[in-house]
Amino acid sequence: MSKIGKKSILLPKDSTINIAGASITVKGPKGSKMLSIDDKIFSSKVNEKNEFEISPLSKKVDKETSVLWGTYRSLINNAVNGVSKGHEKTLELTGVGFRANLKGENLNLQLGFSHDVNFKIPKEIKISVEKQTVIKISGVDKELVSKIAAEIKSLKSVEPYKGKGIKERDQYVLRKEGKKK
């Protein structure tokens, strides 16, 4: 039995879930998200306490069904949190001359290269530059927000000697000691 799958998802007052066969649509104040589950293996419902529950159709649960049960529950929970509160990642630029600016639909990054790096922002994602060295990425879809943050971080990964590069806020960077004389 899946420990995570057994837990029910409490829906906020301003969010709703519509179940139509294998597709689940979650709507809230920040937007909407559509997910699909395998309706041959799982059934889903919203009970009278305004809680969403997902459960397997068969009484005997094998290992694969247990894993999928927890995965579907986590994906739906992330969607509910995304449409009600939103997901957010904060990136920090560390290094001399490292800057970020918004230019229309592009994020312009100066990362110590001989040229500026322009990153195209998807329509579903909102990016704001608080200082020149702090970038906030927010959106409804947790997977997309994390993917965009990873793509921006990969443009200039943090090097271990001086700590220069792009990292997430509160990310630990293992620092190495330099060469001794």
N, C-alpha and C. Protein backbone atom coordinates (compact mmCIF):
# COMPACT_ATOMS: atom_id res chain seq x y z
N MET A 1 0.84 -1.19 0.00
CA MET A 1 0.00 0.00 0.00
C MET A 1 0.88 1.25 0.00
N SER A 2 0.44 2.24 -0.73
CA SER A 2 1.19 3.48 -0.84
C SER A 2 0.85 4.41 0.32
N LYS A 3 1.89 4.85 1.04
CA LYS A 3 1.66 5.77 2.16
C LYS A 3 1.20 7.13 1.66
N ILE A 4 1.81 7.59 0.58
CA ILE A 4 1.46 8.91 0.04
C ILE A 4 0.11 8.85 -0.66
N GLY A 5 -0.16 7.77 -1.38
CA GLY A 5 -1.41 7.65 -2.12
C GLY A 5 -2.64 7.61 -1.24
N LYS A 6 -2.51 7.09 -0.03
CA LYS A 6 -3.65 7.00 0.89
C LYS A 6 -4.12 8.37 1.38
N LYS A 7 -3.21 9.34 1.45
CA LYS A 7 -3.56 10.66 1.97
C LYS A 7 -4.52 11.37 1.02
N SER A 8 -5.52 12.01 1.59
CA SER A 8 -6.44 12.78 0.76
C SER A 8 -5.91 14.21 0.61
N ILE A 9 -6.33 14.88 -0.46
CA ILE A 9 -5.88 16.24 -0.76
C ILE A 9 -6.99 17.20 -0.38
N LEU A 10 -6.72 18.08 0.57
CA LEU A 10 -7.69 19.08 0.99
C LEU A 10 -7.72 20.20 -0.04
N LEU A 11 -8.90 20.45 -0.60
CA LEU A 11 -9.04 21.49 -1.63
C LEU A 11 -9.28 22.84 -0.96
N PRO A 12 -8.55 23.89 -1.38
CA PRO A 12 -8.86 25.23 -0.87
C PRO A 12 -10.25 25.67 -1.33
N LYS A 13 -10.81 26.66 -0.64
CA LYS A 13 -12.17 27.10 -0.94
C LYS A 13 -12.32 27.66 -2.35
N ASP A 14 -11.25 28.27 -2.87
CA ASP A 14 -11.33 28.90 -4.18
C ASP A 14 -10.91 27.98 -5.32
N SER A 15 -10.62 26.71 -5.04
CA SER A 15 -10.19 25.76 -6.08
C SER A 15 -11.24 24.68 -6.28
N THR A 16 -11.35 24.21 -7.54
CA THR A 16 -12.30 23.14 -7.85
C THR A 16 -11.61 22.08 -8.70
N ILE A 17 -12.12 20.84 -8.60
CA ILE A 17 -11.62 19.74 -9.41
C ILE A 17 -12.79 19.16 -10.19
N ASN A 18 -12.62 19.04 -11.50
CA ASN A 18 -13.61 18.39 -12.36
C ASN A 18 -13.02 17.07 -12.85
N ILE A 19 -13.76 15.98 -12.63
CA ILE A 19 -13.31 14.65 -13.04
C ILE A 19 -14.17 14.19 -14.20
N ALA A 20 -13.51 13.91 -15.34
CA ALA A 20 -14.23 13.42 -16.51
C ALA A 20 -13.46 12.21 -17.05
N GLY A 21 -13.80 11.04 -16.54
CA GLY A 21 -13.12 9.82 -16.97
C GLY A 21 -11.67 9.82 -16.54
N ALA A 22 -10.76 9.81 -17.49
CA ALA A 22 -9.33 9.76 -17.18
C ALA A 22 -8.72 11.15 -17.00
N SER A 23 -9.44 12.21 -17.36
CA SER A 23 -8.87 13.55 -17.26
C SER A 23 -9.40 14.27 -16.02
N ILE A 24 -8.49 14.97 -15.37
CA ILE A 24 -8.82 15.75 -14.17
C ILE A 24 -8.40 17.19 -14.45
N THR A 25 -9.33 18.12 -14.27
CA THR A 25 -9.05 19.53 -14.47
C THR A 25 -9.13 20.24 -13.13
N VAL A 26 -8.05 20.91 -12.76
CA VAL A 26 -7.98 21.65 -11.50
C VAL A 26 -8.01 23.14 -11.84
N LYS A 27 -8.97 23.87 -11.25
CA LYS A 27 -9.10 25.30 -11.51
C LYS A 27 -8.98 26.06 -10.20
N GLY A 28 -8.33 27.22 -10.27
CA GLY A 28 -8.15 28.06 -9.10
C GLY A 28 -7.94 29.50 -9.49
N PRO A 29 -7.63 30.37 -8.53
CA PRO A 29 -7.47 31.79 -8.83
C PRO A 29 -6.26 32.11 -9.71
N LYS A 30 -5.22 31.29 -9.69
CA LYS A 30 -4.01 31.55 -10.49
C LYS A 30 -4.10 30.98 -11.90
N GLY A 31 -5.06 30.07 -12.16
CA GLY A 31 -5.18 29.48 -13.48
C GLY A 31 -5.78 28.09 -13.40
N SER A 32 -5.55 27.29 -14.44
CA SER A 32 -6.07 25.93 -14.46
C SER A 32 -5.01 24.98 -15.00
N LYS A 33 -5.12 23.72 -14.61
CA LYS A 33 -4.18 22.69 -15.03
C LYS A 33 -4.95 21.41 -15.28
N MET A 34 -4.62 20.73 -16.39
CA MET A 34 -5.29 19.48 -16.73
C MET A 34 -4.30 18.32 -16.60
N LEU A 35 -4.74 17.25 -15.95
CA LEU A 35 -3.94 16.05 -15.76
C LEU A 35 -4.75 14.85 -16.22
N SER A 36 -4.05 13.77 -16.53
CA SER A 36 -4.77 12.54 -16.88
C SER A 36 -4.21 11.40 -16.05
N ILE A 37 -5.11 10.54 -15.57
CA ILE A 37 -4.71 9.36 -14.81
C ILE A 37 -5.21 8.12 -15.54
N ASP A 38 -4.69 6.99 -15.18
CA ASP A 38 -5.10 5.73 -15.79
C ASP A 38 -6.38 5.26 -15.11
N ASP A 39 -7.53 5.47 -15.77
CA ASP A 39 -8.82 5.13 -15.15
C ASP A 39 -9.11 3.63 -15.16
N LYS A 40 -8.26 2.82 -15.79
CA LYS A 40 -8.42 1.37 -15.74
C LYS A 40 -7.86 0.80 -14.44
N ILE A 41 -6.98 1.57 -13.79
CA ILE A 41 -6.36 1.11 -12.55
C ILE A 41 -6.88 1.89 -11.34
N PHE A 42 -7.17 3.19 -11.50
CA PHE A 42 -7.54 4.05 -10.37
C PHE A 42 -8.91 4.69 -10.54
N SER A 43 -9.55 4.95 -9.41
CA SER A 43 -10.78 5.75 -9.40
C SER A 43 -10.52 6.96 -8.52
N SER A 44 -11.18 8.07 -8.85
CA SER A 44 -10.98 9.29 -8.08
C SER A 44 -12.32 9.93 -7.79
N LYS A 45 -12.39 10.64 -6.65
CA LYS A 45 -13.64 11.30 -6.25
C LYS A 45 -13.33 12.43 -5.29
N VAL A 46 -14.30 13.33 -5.14
CA VAL A 46 -14.24 14.39 -4.15
C VAL A 46 -15.30 14.08 -3.12
N ASN A 47 -14.90 13.93 -1.85
CA ASN A 47 -15.87 13.56 -0.81
C ASN A 47 -16.57 14.79 -0.25
N GLU A 48 -17.45 14.56 0.73
CA GLU A 48 -18.28 15.64 1.27
C GLU A 48 -17.48 16.66 2.08
N LYS A 49 -16.28 16.33 2.53
CA LYS A 49 -15.44 17.27 3.27
C LYS A 49 -14.58 18.14 2.34
N ASN A 50 -14.88 18.10 1.05
CA ASN A 50 -14.14 18.83 0.02
C ASN A 50 -12.68 18.36 -0.05
N GLU A 51 -12.49 17.04 0.00
CA GLU A 51 -11.18 16.42 -0.11
C GLU A 51 -11.17 15.51 -1.32
N PHE A 52 -10.08 15.56 -2.08
CA PHE A 52 -9.92 14.71 -3.25
C PHE A 52 -9.23 13.42 -2.84
N GLU A 53 -9.77 12.30 -3.31
CA GLU A 53 -9.20 11.00 -3.00
C GLU A 53 -8.99 10.21 -4.28
N ILE A 54 -7.88 9.48 -4.34
CA ILE A 54 -7.61 8.58 -5.45
C ILE A 54 -7.33 7.21 -4.83
N SER A 55 -7.92 6.17 -5.44
CA SER A 55 -7.75 4.83 -4.90
C SER A 55 -7.72 3.81 -6.04
N PRO A 56 -7.01 2.69 -5.84
CA PRO A 56 -6.97 1.67 -6.87
C PRO A 56 -8.30 0.91 -6.94
N LEU A 57 -8.63 0.43 -8.14
CA LEU A 57 -9.89 -0.31 -8.32
C LEU A 57 -9.83 -1.71 -7.71
N SER A 58 -8.67 -2.36 -7.80
CA SER A 58 -8.56 -3.72 -7.27
C SER A 58 -8.21 -3.70 -5.79
N LYS A 59 -8.62 -4.74 -5.09
CA LYS A 59 -8.33 -4.85 -3.66
C LYS A 59 -6.86 -5.16 -3.42
N LYS A 60 -6.29 -6.02 -4.28
CA LYS A 60 -4.89 -6.41 -4.15
C LYS A 60 -4.03 -5.42 -4.94
N VAL A 61 -3.10 -4.77 -4.24
CA VAL A 61 -2.25 -3.75 -4.85
C VAL A 61 -0.84 -4.29 -5.02
N ASP A 62 -0.36 -4.35 -6.26
CA ASP A 62 1.01 -4.79 -6.50
C ASP A 62 1.97 -3.60 -6.42
N LYS A 63 3.25 -3.85 -6.56
CA LYS A 63 4.29 -2.82 -6.39
C LYS A 63 4.13 -1.67 -7.40
N GLU A 64 3.89 -2.00 -8.67
CA GLU A 64 3.78 -0.98 -9.71
C GLU A 64 2.56 -0.08 -9.48
N THR A 65 1.45 -0.66 -9.08
CA THR A 65 0.24 0.12 -8.79
C THR A 65 0.46 1.03 -7.60
N SER A 66 1.17 0.54 -6.59
CA SER A 66 1.46 1.33 -5.41
C SER A 66 2.31 2.55 -5.75
N VAL A 67 3.31 2.35 -6.62
CA VAL A 67 4.17 3.45 -7.04
C VAL A 67 3.38 4.49 -7.84
N LEU A 68 2.56 4.02 -8.77
CA LEU A 68 1.74 4.94 -9.58
C LEU A 68 0.73 5.69 -8.72
N TRP A 69 0.19 5.03 -7.71
CA TRP A 69 -0.79 5.63 -6.82
C TRP A 69 -0.20 6.86 -6.13
N GLY A 70 0.99 6.72 -5.56
CA GLY A 70 1.65 7.84 -4.90
C GLY A 70 2.05 8.93 -5.89
N THR A 71 2.47 8.52 -7.09
CA THR A 71 2.88 9.50 -8.10
C THR A 71 1.69 10.35 -8.56
N TYR A 72 0.57 9.71 -8.87
CA TYR A 72 -0.61 10.46 -9.31
C TYR A 72 -1.10 11.40 -8.22
N ARG A 73 -1.07 10.93 -6.97
CA ARG A 73 -1.53 11.76 -5.87
C ARG A 73 -0.63 12.99 -5.73
N SER A 74 0.69 12.81 -5.86
CA SER A 74 1.63 13.93 -5.76
C SER A 74 1.45 14.92 -6.91
N LEU A 75 1.23 14.40 -8.12
CA LEU A 75 1.03 15.29 -9.28
C LEU A 75 -0.24 16.13 -9.11
N ILE A 76 -1.30 15.51 -8.62
CA ILE A 76 -2.56 16.24 -8.42
C ILE A 76 -2.41 17.25 -7.29
N ASN A 77 -1.69 16.88 -6.23
CA ASN A 77 -1.45 17.81 -5.12
C ASN A 77 -0.64 19.01 -5.59
N ASN A 78 0.38 18.78 -6.43
CA ASN A 78 1.16 19.89 -6.97
C ASN A 78 0.30 20.80 -7.85
N ALA A 79 -0.63 20.22 -8.60
CA ALA A 79 -1.52 21.02 -9.44
C ALA A 79 -2.45 21.86 -8.57
N VAL A 80 -2.99 21.29 -7.49
CA VAL A 80 -3.88 22.04 -6.59
C VAL A 80 -3.12 23.20 -5.94
N ASN A 81 -1.90 22.92 -5.47
CA ASN A 81 -1.09 24.00 -4.88
C ASN A 81 -0.72 25.06 -5.91
N GLY A 82 -0.47 24.64 -7.13
CA GLY A 82 -0.09 25.58 -8.19
C GLY A 82 -1.20 26.53 -8.56
N VAL A 83 -2.43 26.03 -8.71
CA VAL A 83 -3.54 26.91 -9.11
C VAL A 83 -4.05 27.76 -7.95
N SER A 84 -3.75 27.37 -6.70
CA SER A 84 -4.21 28.18 -5.57
C SER A 84 -3.13 29.15 -5.09
N LYS A 85 -1.90 28.68 -4.90
CA LYS A 85 -0.82 29.54 -4.40
C LYS A 85 0.21 29.88 -5.46
N GLY A 86 0.48 28.95 -6.36
CA GLY A 86 1.54 29.13 -7.36
C GLY A 86 2.85 28.54 -6.87
N HIS A 87 3.74 28.27 -7.79
CA HIS A 87 5.07 27.75 -7.47
C HIS A 87 6.09 28.81 -7.83
N GLU A 88 7.19 28.85 -7.06
CA GLU A 88 8.18 29.90 -7.26
C GLU A 88 9.58 29.38 -6.98
N LYS A 89 10.54 29.81 -7.79
CA LYS A 89 11.95 29.51 -7.59
C LYS A 89 12.71 30.83 -7.67
N THR A 90 13.74 30.97 -6.84
CA THR A 90 14.56 32.17 -6.84
C THR A 90 15.99 31.78 -7.18
N LEU A 91 16.55 32.45 -8.18
CA LEU A 91 17.92 32.20 -8.61
C LEU A 91 18.79 33.41 -8.26
N GLU A 92 20.05 33.13 -7.91
CA GLU A 92 20.99 34.19 -7.59
C GLU A 92 22.20 34.10 -8.50
N LEU A 93 22.65 35.25 -9.01
CA LEU A 93 23.84 35.31 -9.84
C LEU A 93 25.00 35.79 -8.97
N THR A 94 26.09 35.03 -8.96
CA THR A 94 27.26 35.38 -8.17
C THR A 94 28.45 35.50 -9.10
N GLY A 95 29.10 36.65 -9.09
CA GLY A 95 30.27 36.86 -9.92
C GLY A 95 30.39 38.32 -10.31
N VAL A 96 31.60 38.75 -10.58
CA VAL A 96 31.84 40.15 -10.95
C VAL A 96 31.25 40.40 -12.33
N GLY A 97 30.35 41.39 -12.42
CA GLY A 97 29.76 41.75 -13.70
C GLY A 97 28.59 40.88 -14.13
N PHE A 98 28.16 39.95 -13.29
CA PHE A 98 27.00 39.10 -13.64
C PHE A 98 25.73 39.89 -13.38
N ARG A 99 24.90 40.03 -14.42
CA ARG A 99 23.66 40.81 -14.32
C ARG A 99 22.55 40.14 -15.10
N ALA A 100 21.32 40.46 -14.70
CA ALA A 100 20.14 39.99 -15.42
C ALA A 100 19.21 41.18 -15.66
N ASN A 101 18.59 41.23 -16.84
CA ASN A 101 17.63 42.27 -17.21
C ASN A 101 16.52 41.64 -18.02
N LEU A 102 15.33 42.23 -17.93
CA LEU A 102 14.22 41.80 -18.78
C LEU A 102 14.14 42.73 -19.98
N LYS A 103 14.11 42.13 -21.18
CA LYS A 103 13.96 42.91 -22.41
C LYS A 103 12.82 42.29 -23.20
N GLY A 104 11.61 42.79 -22.98
CA GLY A 104 10.43 42.26 -23.67
C GLY A 104 10.13 40.84 -23.22
N GLU A 105 10.15 39.89 -24.16
CA GLU A 105 9.87 38.50 -23.85
C GLU A 105 11.14 37.70 -23.59
N ASN A 106 12.28 38.38 -23.46
CA ASN A 106 13.56 37.72 -23.25
C ASN A 106 14.17 38.13 -21.92
N LEU A 107 14.91 37.20 -21.34
CA LEU A 107 15.71 37.48 -20.16
C LEU A 107 17.15 37.63 -20.65
N ASN A 108 17.70 38.84 -20.49
CA ASN A 108 19.05 39.13 -20.95
C ASN A 108 20.01 38.91 -19.79
N LEU A 109 20.98 38.02 -19.98
CA LEU A 109 21.94 37.67 -18.93
C LEU A 109 23.35 38.03 -19.37
N GLN A 110 24.08 38.72 -18.49
CA GLN A 110 25.50 38.99 -18.70
C GLN A 110 26.25 38.09 -17.72
N LEU A 111 26.91 37.07 -18.27
CA LEU A 111 27.49 36.02 -17.43
C LEU A 111 29.01 35.89 -17.58
N GLY A 112 29.67 36.96 -17.97
CA GLY A 112 31.12 36.92 -18.09
C GLY A 112 31.60 36.41 -19.44
N PHE A 113 30.68 36.13 -20.34
CA PHE A 113 31.08 35.73 -21.69
C PHE A 113 31.35 36.99 -22.51
N SER A 114 31.85 36.83 -23.71
CA SER A 114 32.11 37.97 -24.58
C SER A 114 30.81 38.51 -25.18
N HIS A 115 29.71 37.79 -24.98
CA HIS A 115 28.42 38.20 -25.51
C HIS A 115 27.35 38.03 -24.44
N ASP A 116 26.22 38.72 -24.61
CA ASP A 116 25.08 38.55 -23.71
C ASP A 116 24.33 37.28 -24.10
N VAL A 117 23.70 36.66 -23.11
CA VAL A 117 22.90 35.47 -23.36
C VAL A 117 21.43 35.87 -23.23
N ASN A 118 20.64 35.63 -24.28
CA ASN A 118 19.21 35.91 -24.26
C ASN A 118 18.45 34.61 -24.08
N PHE A 119 17.57 34.58 -23.05
CA PHE A 119 16.77 33.40 -22.76
C PHE A 119 15.31 33.74 -23.02
N LYS A 120 14.65 33.00 -23.93
CA LYS A 120 13.25 33.25 -24.27
C LYS A 120 12.36 32.73 -23.15
N ILE A 121 11.45 33.58 -22.67
CA ILE A 121 10.56 33.22 -21.57
C ILE A 121 9.28 32.62 -22.14
N PRO A 122 8.88 31.41 -21.70
CA PRO A 122 7.60 30.83 -22.14
C PRO A 122 6.41 31.66 -21.64
N LYS A 123 5.27 31.52 -22.32
CA LYS A 123 4.09 32.32 -21.98
C LYS A 123 3.49 31.95 -20.62
N GLU A 124 3.62 30.67 -20.21
CA GLU A 124 3.01 30.21 -18.96
C GLU A 124 3.81 30.63 -17.73
N ILE A 125 5.01 31.15 -17.92
CA ILE A 125 5.92 31.46 -16.82
C ILE A 125 6.08 32.97 -16.69
N LYS A 126 6.15 33.44 -15.43
CA LYS A 126 6.44 34.85 -15.17
C LYS A 126 7.83 34.93 -14.54
N ILE A 127 8.68 35.76 -15.12
CA ILE A 127 10.02 35.97 -14.58
C ILE A 127 10.16 37.44 -14.22
N SER A 128 10.65 37.69 -13.00
CA SER A 128 10.91 39.06 -12.59
C SER A 128 12.34 39.16 -12.07
N VAL A 129 12.96 40.30 -12.31
CA VAL A 129 14.31 40.55 -11.84
C VAL A 129 14.20 41.58 -10.72
N GLU A 130 14.44 41.13 -9.47
CA GLU A 130 14.30 42.03 -8.32
C GLU A 130 15.49 42.98 -8.24
N LYS A 131 16.68 42.42 -8.10
CA LYS A 131 17.90 43.21 -8.20
C LYS A 131 18.52 42.77 -9.52
N GLN A 132 19.68 43.23 -9.82
CA GLN A 132 20.32 42.77 -11.04
C GLN A 132 20.86 41.36 -10.89
N THR A 133 20.93 40.87 -9.65
CA THR A 133 21.50 39.55 -9.42
C THR A 133 20.50 38.54 -8.85
N VAL A 134 19.23 38.90 -8.77
CA VAL A 134 18.20 37.99 -8.23
C VAL A 134 17.08 37.84 -9.26
N ILE A 135 16.79 36.59 -9.65
CA ILE A 135 15.74 36.29 -10.62
C ILE A 135 14.68 35.46 -9.94
N LYS A 136 13.39 35.86 -10.06
CA LYS A 136 12.29 35.08 -9.52
C LYS A 136 11.50 34.48 -10.67
N ILE A 137 11.31 33.16 -10.61
CA ILE A 137 10.55 32.43 -11.63
C ILE A 137 9.29 31.91 -10.95
N SER A 138 8.11 32.23 -11.50
CA SER A 138 6.87 31.77 -10.89
C SER A 138 5.89 31.31 -11.97
N GLY A 139 4.98 30.41 -11.56
CA GLY A 139 3.98 29.89 -12.48
C GLY A 139 3.09 28.88 -11.80
N VAL A 140 2.15 28.33 -12.55
CA VAL A 140 1.18 27.37 -12.04
C VAL A 140 1.76 25.95 -12.04
N ASP A 141 2.51 25.61 -13.08
CA ASP A 141 3.01 24.25 -13.27
C ASP A 141 4.38 24.09 -12.60
N LYS A 142 4.46 23.25 -11.57
CA LYS A 142 5.70 23.05 -10.84
C LYS A 142 6.80 22.47 -11.72
N GLU A 143 6.42 21.54 -12.59
CA GLU A 143 7.40 20.91 -13.47
C GLU A 143 8.02 21.93 -14.42
N LEU A 144 7.21 22.81 -14.99
CA LEU A 144 7.71 23.81 -15.93
C LEU A 144 8.57 24.86 -15.23
N VAL A 145 8.17 25.29 -14.03
CA VAL A 145 8.95 26.27 -13.27
C VAL A 145 10.33 25.69 -12.95
N SER A 146 10.38 24.44 -12.52
CA SER A 146 11.65 23.79 -12.19
C SER A 146 12.50 23.58 -13.43
N LYS A 147 11.86 23.26 -14.55
CA LYS A 147 12.59 23.05 -15.81
C LYS A 147 13.24 24.34 -16.28
N ILE A 148 12.51 25.45 -16.23
CA ILE A 148 13.05 26.74 -16.65
C ILE A 148 14.19 27.16 -15.73
N ALA A 149 14.03 26.94 -14.41
CA ALA A 149 15.09 27.27 -13.46
C ALA A 149 16.35 26.46 -13.75
N ALA A 150 16.18 25.17 -14.07
CA ALA A 150 17.33 24.32 -14.39
C ALA A 150 18.01 24.75 -15.68
N GLU A 151 17.22 25.17 -16.68
CA GLU A 151 17.81 25.64 -17.95
C GLU A 151 18.62 26.92 -17.75
N ILE A 152 18.10 27.84 -16.93
CA ILE A 152 18.82 29.08 -16.67
C ILE A 152 20.09 28.78 -15.86
N LYS A 153 20.00 27.88 -14.88
CA LYS A 153 21.17 27.52 -14.08
C LYS A 153 22.25 26.85 -14.94
N SER A 154 21.84 26.11 -15.96
CA SER A 154 22.82 25.40 -16.79
C SER A 154 23.59 26.35 -17.72
N LEU A 155 23.12 27.58 -17.89
CA LEU A 155 23.84 28.55 -18.72
C LEU A 155 25.21 28.89 -18.13
N LYS A 156 25.30 28.93 -16.81
CA LYS A 156 26.56 29.17 -16.13
C LYS A 156 26.49 28.48 -14.77
N SER A 157 26.90 27.22 -14.74
CA SER A 157 26.83 26.47 -13.48
C SER A 157 27.89 26.99 -12.51
N VAL A 158 27.66 26.77 -11.23
CA VAL A 158 28.53 27.29 -10.19
C VAL A 158 29.84 26.51 -10.16
N GLU A 159 30.95 27.23 -10.20
CA GLU A 159 32.25 26.55 -10.13
C GLU A 159 32.69 26.48 -8.66
N PRO A 160 33.44 25.43 -8.28
CA PRO A 160 33.67 25.16 -6.86
C PRO A 160 34.76 26.01 -6.19
N TYR A 161 35.57 26.77 -6.93
CA TYR A 161 36.67 27.49 -6.31
C TYR A 161 36.28 28.88 -5.82
N LYS A 162 35.64 29.68 -6.66
CA LYS A 162 35.22 31.01 -6.24
C LYS A 162 33.71 31.11 -6.02
N GLY A 163 32.95 30.10 -6.47
CA GLY A 163 31.50 30.11 -6.29
C GLY A 163 30.78 30.97 -7.31
N LYS A 164 31.43 31.26 -8.45
CA LYS A 164 30.81 32.09 -9.48
C LYS A 164 29.85 31.27 -10.31
N GLY A 165 28.69 31.84 -10.64
CA GLY A 165 27.71 31.17 -11.47
C GLY A 165 26.29 31.48 -11.02
N ILE A 166 25.34 30.67 -11.52
CA ILE A 166 23.93 30.85 -11.18
C ILE A 166 23.52 29.69 -10.28
N LYS A 167 22.93 30.02 -9.13
CA LYS A 167 22.47 28.98 -8.21
C LYS A 167 21.11 29.35 -7.65
N GLU A 168 20.40 28.35 -7.11
CA GLU A 168 19.14 28.61 -6.44
C GLU A 168 19.41 29.19 -5.07
N ARG A 169 18.47 29.94 -4.55
CA ARG A 169 18.61 30.48 -3.20
C ARG A 169 18.66 29.30 -2.22
N ASP A 170 19.55 29.37 -1.28
CA ASP A 170 19.77 28.34 -0.25
C ASP A 170 20.35 27.04 -0.80
N GLN A 171 20.89 27.05 -2.02
CA GLN A 171 21.55 25.87 -2.57
C GLN A 171 22.97 25.82 -2.00
N TYR A 172 23.38 24.67 -1.50
CA TYR A 172 24.73 24.52 -0.95
C TYR A 172 25.69 24.21 -2.08
N VAL A 173 26.79 24.95 -2.12
CA VAL A 173 27.82 24.73 -3.13
C VAL A 173 29.08 24.28 -2.40
N LEU A 174 29.57 23.10 -2.72
CA LEU A 174 30.78 22.58 -2.12
C LEU A 174 31.97 23.38 -2.64
N ARG A 175 32.68 24.05 -1.74
CA ARG A 175 33.80 24.88 -2.12
C ARG A 175 35.09 24.11 -1.94
N LYS A 176 36.02 24.26 -2.88
CA LYS A 176 37.31 23.58 -2.82
C LYS A 176 38.39 24.59 -2.48
N GLU A 177 39.43 24.10 -1.84
CA GLU A 177 40.56 24.95 -1.52
C GLU A 177 41.43 25.09 -2.77
N GLY A 178 41.98 26.25 -2.98
CA GLY A 178 42.80 26.50 -4.16
C GLY A 178 44.16 25.83 -4.07
N LYS A 179 44.93 26.01 -5.10
CA LYS A 179 46.27 25.44 -5.18
C LYS A 179 47.21 26.12 -4.18
N LYS A 180 47.98 25.33 -3.43
CA LYS A 180 48.90 25.89 -2.45
C LYS A 180 50.26 26.09 -3.06
N LYS A 181 50.99 27.10 -2.56
CA LYS A 181 52.32 27.40 -3.08
C LYS A 181 53.37 26.47 -2.53
